[in-house]
C-alpha atoms as a PDB file:
ATOM      1  CA  MET A   1       0.000   0.000   0.000  1.00  0.00           C
ATOM      2  CA  GLU A   2       2.847   2.404   0.769  1.00  0.00           C
ATOM      3  CA  ASN A   3       4.260   2.039  -2.759  1.00  0.00           C
ATOM      4  CA  VAL A   4       0.872   2.618  -4.396  1.00  0.00           C
ATOM      5  CA  VAL A   5       0.271   5.805  -2.397  1.00  0.00           C
ATOM      6  CA  ILE A   6       3.746   7.154  -3.164  1.00  0.00           C
ATOM      7  CA  VAL A   7       3.453   6.419  -6.897  1.00  0.00           C
ATOM      8  CA  GLY A   8      -0.075   7.853  -6.958  1.00  0.00           C
ATOM      9  CA  ALA A   9       0.969  11.038  -5.166  1.00  0.00           C
ATOM     10  CA  VAL A  10       3.863  11.548  -7.565  1.00  0.00           C
ATOM     11  CA  SER A  11       1.781  10.866 -10.663  1.00  0.00           C
ATOM     12  CA  VAL A  12      -1.150  13.162  -9.779  1.00  0.00           C
ATOM     13  CA  PRO A  13       0.493  16.388 -11.089  1.00  0.00           C
ATOM     14  CA  ILE A  14       1.552  14.639 -14.301  1.00  0.00           C
ATOM     15  CA  VAL A  15      -1.920  13.224 -14.945  1.00  0.00           C
ATOM     16  CA  ALA A  16      -3.543  16.565 -14.058  1.00  0.00           C
ATOM     17  CA  THR A  17      -1.254  18.397 -16.492  1.00  0.00           C
ATOM     18  CA  TYR A  18      -2.062  15.890 -19.243  1.00  0.00           C
ATOM     19  CA  ILE A  19      -5.815  16.227 -18.693  1.00  0.00           C
ATOM     20  CA  THR A  20      -5.617  20.024 -18.534  1.00  0.00           C
ATOM     21  CA  LYS A  21      -3.675  20.273 -21.790  1.00  0.00           C
ATOM     22  CA  ASN A  22      -5.619  17.710 -23.826  1.00  0.00           C
ATOM     23  CA  TYR A  23      -9.181  18.144 -22.540  1.00  0.00           C
ATOM     24  CA  THR A  24      -9.613  21.899 -22.106  1.00  0.00           C
ATOM     25  CA  VAL A  25     -13.379  21.795 -22.701  1.00  0.00           C
ATOM     26  CA  LEU A  26     -13.804  19.394 -19.792  1.00  0.00           C
ATOM     27  CA  THR A  27     -11.460  21.206 -17.431  1.00  0.00           C
ATOM     28  CA  ASN A  28     -13.003  24.624 -18.081  1.00  0.00           C
ATOM     29  CA  LYS A  29     -16.432  23.375 -17.016  1.00  0.00           C
ATOM     30  CA  ILE A  30     -15.659  21.101 -14.070  1.00  0.00           C
ATOM     31  CA  ALA A  31     -14.539  23.715 -11.516  1.00  0.00           C
ATOM     32  CA  PRO A  32     -17.641  25.954 -11.859  1.00  0.00           C
ATOM     33  CA  ILE A  33     -19.943  22.931 -11.773  1.00  0.00           C
ATOM     34  CA  ILE A  34     -18.348  21.666  -8.573  1.00  0.00           C
ATOM     35  CA  ALA A  35     -18.483  25.176  -7.108  1.00  0.00           C
ATOM     36  CA  ASN A  36     -22.186  25.531  -7.978  1.00  0.00           C
ATOM     37  CA  ILE A  37     -22.925  22.219  -6.312  1.00  0.00           C
ATOM     38  CA  PHE A  38     -20.957  23.024  -3.176  1.00  0.00           C
ATOM     39  CA  SER A  39     -21.814  26.721  -2.699  1.00  0.00           C
ATOM     40  CA  PRO A  40     -25.148  26.021  -0.904  1.00  0.00           C
ATOM     41  CA  LEU A  41     -23.414  23.396   1.227  1.00  0.00           C
ATOM     42  CA  VAL A  42     -20.592  25.786   2.093  1.00  0.00           C
ATOM     43  CA  LEU A  43     -23.144  28.493   2.938  1.00  0.00           C
ATOM     44  CA  LEU A  44     -24.971  26.117   5.259  1.00  0.00           C
ATOM     45  CA  THR A  45     -21.687  25.047   6.857  1.00  0.00           C
ATOM     46  CA  ALA A  46     -20.573  28.661   7.377  1.00  0.00           C
ATOM     47  CA  ILE A  47     -23.886  29.594   9.015  1.00  0.00           C
ATOM     48  CA  ILE A  48     -23.766  26.543  11.279  1.00  0.00           C
ATOM     49  CA  PHE A  49     -20.134  27.324  12.118  1.00  0.00           C
ATOM     50  CA  LEU A  50     -20.974  30.915  13.054  1.00  0.00           C
ATOM     51  CA  VAL A  51     -23.963  29.863  15.175  1.00  0.00           C
ATOM     52  CA  ALA A  52     -21.926  27.116  16.859  1.00  0.00           C
ATOM     53  CA  LEU A  53     -19.163  29.625  17.567  1.00  0.00           C
ATOM     54  CA  ILE A  54     -21.637  31.910  19.319  1.00  0.00           C
ATOM     55  CA  ILE A  55     -23.413  29.129  21.224  1.00  0.00           C
ATOM     56  CA  SER A  56     -20.329  27.180  22.306  1.00  0.00           C
ATOM     57  CA  GLY A  57     -18.415  30.211  23.508  1.00  0.00           C
ATOM     58  CA  LYS A  58     -15.235  29.002  21.805  1.00  0.00           C
ATOM     59  CA  ASP A  59     -12.467  31.579  22.121  1.00  0.00           C
ATOM     60  CA  PRO A  60     -10.575  32.245  18.875  1.00  0.00           C
ATOM     61  CA  TYR A  61      -8.503  34.884  20.668  1.00  0.00           C
ATOM     62  CA  ASN A  62      -6.536  32.418  22.763  1.00  0.00           C
ATOM     63  CA  ASP A  63      -6.756  29.173  20.763  1.00  0.00           C
ATOM     64  CA  ARG A  64      -4.238  29.020  17.892  1.00  0.00           C
ATOM     65  CA  GLU A  65      -5.603  25.798  16.410  1.00  0.00           C
ATOM     66  CA  PHE A  66      -9.118  27.204  16.293  1.00  0.00           C
ATOM     67  CA  LEU A  67      -7.812  30.326  14.578  1.00  0.00           C
ATOM     68  CA  LEU A  68      -6.059  28.104  12.036  1.00  0.00           C
ATOM     69  CA  ILE A  69      -9.385  26.365  11.330  1.00  0.00           C
ATOM     70  CA  PHE A  70     -10.888  29.814  10.713  1.00  0.00           C
ATOM     71  CA  ASN A  71      -8.230  30.624   8.128  1.00  0.00           C
ATOM     72  CA  VAL A  72      -8.471  27.276   6.320  1.00  0.00           C
ATOM     73  CA  MET A  73     -12.249  27.545   6.152  1.00  0.00           C
ATOM     74  CA  LEU A  74     -12.047  31.084   4.764  1.00  0.00           C
ATOM     75  CA  LEU A  75      -9.577  29.949   2.113  1.00  0.00           C
ATOM     76  CA  GLY A  76     -11.975  27.207   1.003  1.00  0.00           C
ATOM     77  CA  VAL A  77     -14.914  29.613   0.896  1.00  0.00           C
ATOM     78  CA  MET A  78     -12.864  32.028  -1.195  1.00  0.00           C
ATOM     79  CA  ALA A  79     -12.126  29.273  -3.725  1.00  0.00           C
ATOM     80  CA  VAL A  80     -15.811  28.321  -3.968  1.00  0.00           C
ATOM     81  CA  ILE A  81     -16.833  31.960  -4.466  1.00  0.00           C
ATOM     82  CA  VAL A  82     -14.207  32.592  -7.150  1.00  0.00           C
ATOM     83  CA  PHE A  83     -15.117  29.454  -9.124  1.00  0.00           C
ATOM     84  CA  SER A  84     -18.845  30.160  -8.806  1.00  0.00           C
ATOM     85  CA  ILE A  85     -18.448  33.748  -9.972  1.00  0.00           C
ATOM     86  CA  SER A  86     -16.471  32.625 -13.002  1.00  0.00           C
ATOM     87  CA  GLU A  87     -19.426  30.501 -14.108  1.00  0.00           C
ATOM     88  CA  THR A  88     -22.059  33.094 -13.149  1.00  0.00           C
ATOM     89  CA  SER A  89     -20.461  35.791 -15.265  1.00  0.00           C
ATOM     90  CA  ALA A  90     -20.397  33.414 -18.234  1.00  0.00           C
ATOM     91  CA  THR A  91     -24.087  32.462 -18.077  1.00  0.00           C
ATOM     92  CA  GLY A  92     -25.630  35.480 -16.365  1.00  0.00           C
ATOM     93  CA  LYS A  93     -29.045  33.886 -15.678  1.00  0.00           C
ATOM     94  CA  GLN A  94     -28.633  32.389 -12.211  1.00  0.00           C
ATOM     95  CA  LYS A  95     -30.332  34.660  -9.660  1.00  0.00           C
ATOM     96  CA  PHE A  96     -30.533  31.943  -6.984  1.00  0.00           C
ATOM     97  CA  ASN A  97     -26.820  31.216  -7.289  1.00  0.00           C
ATOM     98  CA  GLU A  98     -26.036  34.941  -7.066  1.00  0.00           C
ATOM     99  CA  LEU A  99     -28.142  35.210  -3.906  1.00  0.00           C
ATOM    100  CA  ILE A 100     -26.327  32.255  -2.361  1.00  0.00           C
ATOM    101  CA  LEU A 101     -22.964  33.797  -3.232  1.00  0.00           C
ATOM    102  CA  PHE A 102     -24.011  37.163  -1.797  1.00  0.00           C
ATOM    103  CA  VAL A 103     -25.151  35.653   1.516  1.00  0.00           C
ATOM    104  CA  LEU A 104     -22.038  33.454   1.586  1.00  0.00           C
ATOM    105  CA  SER A 105     -19.881  36.543   1.082  1.00  0.00           C
ATOM    106  CA  ILE A 106     -21.621  38.402   3.922  1.00  0.00           C
ATOM    107  CA  ILE A 107     -21.269  35.452   6.323  1.00  0.00           C
ATOM    108  CA  THR A 108     -17.645  35.044   5.293  1.00  0.00           C
ATOM    109  CA  VAL A 109     -16.915  38.727   5.926  1.00  0.00           C
ATOM    110  CA  ILE A 110     -18.388  38.391   9.426  1.00  0.00           C
ATOM    111  CA  ILE A 111     -16.246  35.315  10.124  1.00  0.00           C
ATOM    112  CA  ASP A 112     -13.234  37.071   8.604  1.00  0.00           C
ATOM    113  CA  LEU A 113     -13.710  40.089  10.877  1.00  0.00           C
ATOM    114  CA  ILE A 114     -13.730  37.771  13.884  1.00  0.00           C
ATOM    115  CA  ALA A 115     -10.573  36.053  12.645  1.00  0.00           C
ATOM    116  CA  LEU A 116      -8.821  39.362  11.902  1.00  0.00           C
ATOM    117  CA  SER A 117      -9.661  40.740  15.324  1.00  0.00           C
ATOM    118  CA  ALA A 118      -8.302  37.547  16.896  1.00  0.00           C
ATOM    119  CA  ILE A 119      -5.114  37.811  14.811  1.00  0.00           C
ATOM    120  CA  PHE A 120      -4.581  41.437  15.833  1.00  0.00           C
ATOM    121  CA  TYR A 121      -5.306  40.536  19.449  1.00  0.00           C
ATOM    122  CA  ARG A 122      -2.740  37.730  19.357  1.00  0.00           C
ATOM    123  CA  LEU A 123      -0.172  40.009  17.710  1.00  0.00           C
ATOM    124  CA  GLY A 124      -0.711  42.686  20.339  1.00  0.00           C
ATOM    125  CA  THR A 125      -0.703  40.271  23.249  1.00  0.00           C
ATOM    126  CA  PHE A 126       1.886  37.662  22.305  1.00  0.00           C
ATOM    127  CA  GLY A 127       4.015  39.450  19.718  1.00  0.00           C
ATOM    128  CA  ILE A 128       4.983  38.227  16.271  1.00  0.00           C
ATOM    129  CA  THR A 129       6.701  34.981  17.226  1.00  0.00           C
ATOM    130  CA  PRO A 130       5.012  31.815  15.922  1.00  0.00           C
ATOM    131  CA  THR A 131       4.721  30.212  19.352  1.00  0.00           C
ATOM    132  CA  GLY A 132       3.401  33.291  21.054  1.00  0.00           C
ATOM    133  CA  TRP A 133       6.394  33.797  23.311  1.00  0.00           C
ATOM    134  CA  GLN A 134       7.750  37.288  23.721  1.00  0.00           C
ATOM    135  CA  PHE A 135      11.477  37.848  23.901  1.00  0.00           C
END
């Protein structure tokens, strides 16, 4: 199993490059389709995450791992929004998708403001060292 995983991990970029070069029609359509499928799910997940954050009382200001989860989630949401917008601008007739993207953007900005305030708090309190120790 170890050899199969290593060979598979090494061959993924080569296979992806081959598919991208030879099947451009397929690769241009797959990312927006996946984004359109997952944008309502990401919106639901972001709303549940924000509500759970408020209800649970989790503290992003003092928990580095939780703050890292914030940043990874925001990066994923950004990718979904960018891929969805690329398809929306091409077709132009998807009002429901535009509404989902708008609400997703608003929720993401709220989560981002929480994350940014936690980052600035950590910088002010612990300094700029990665472990949070001040010298």
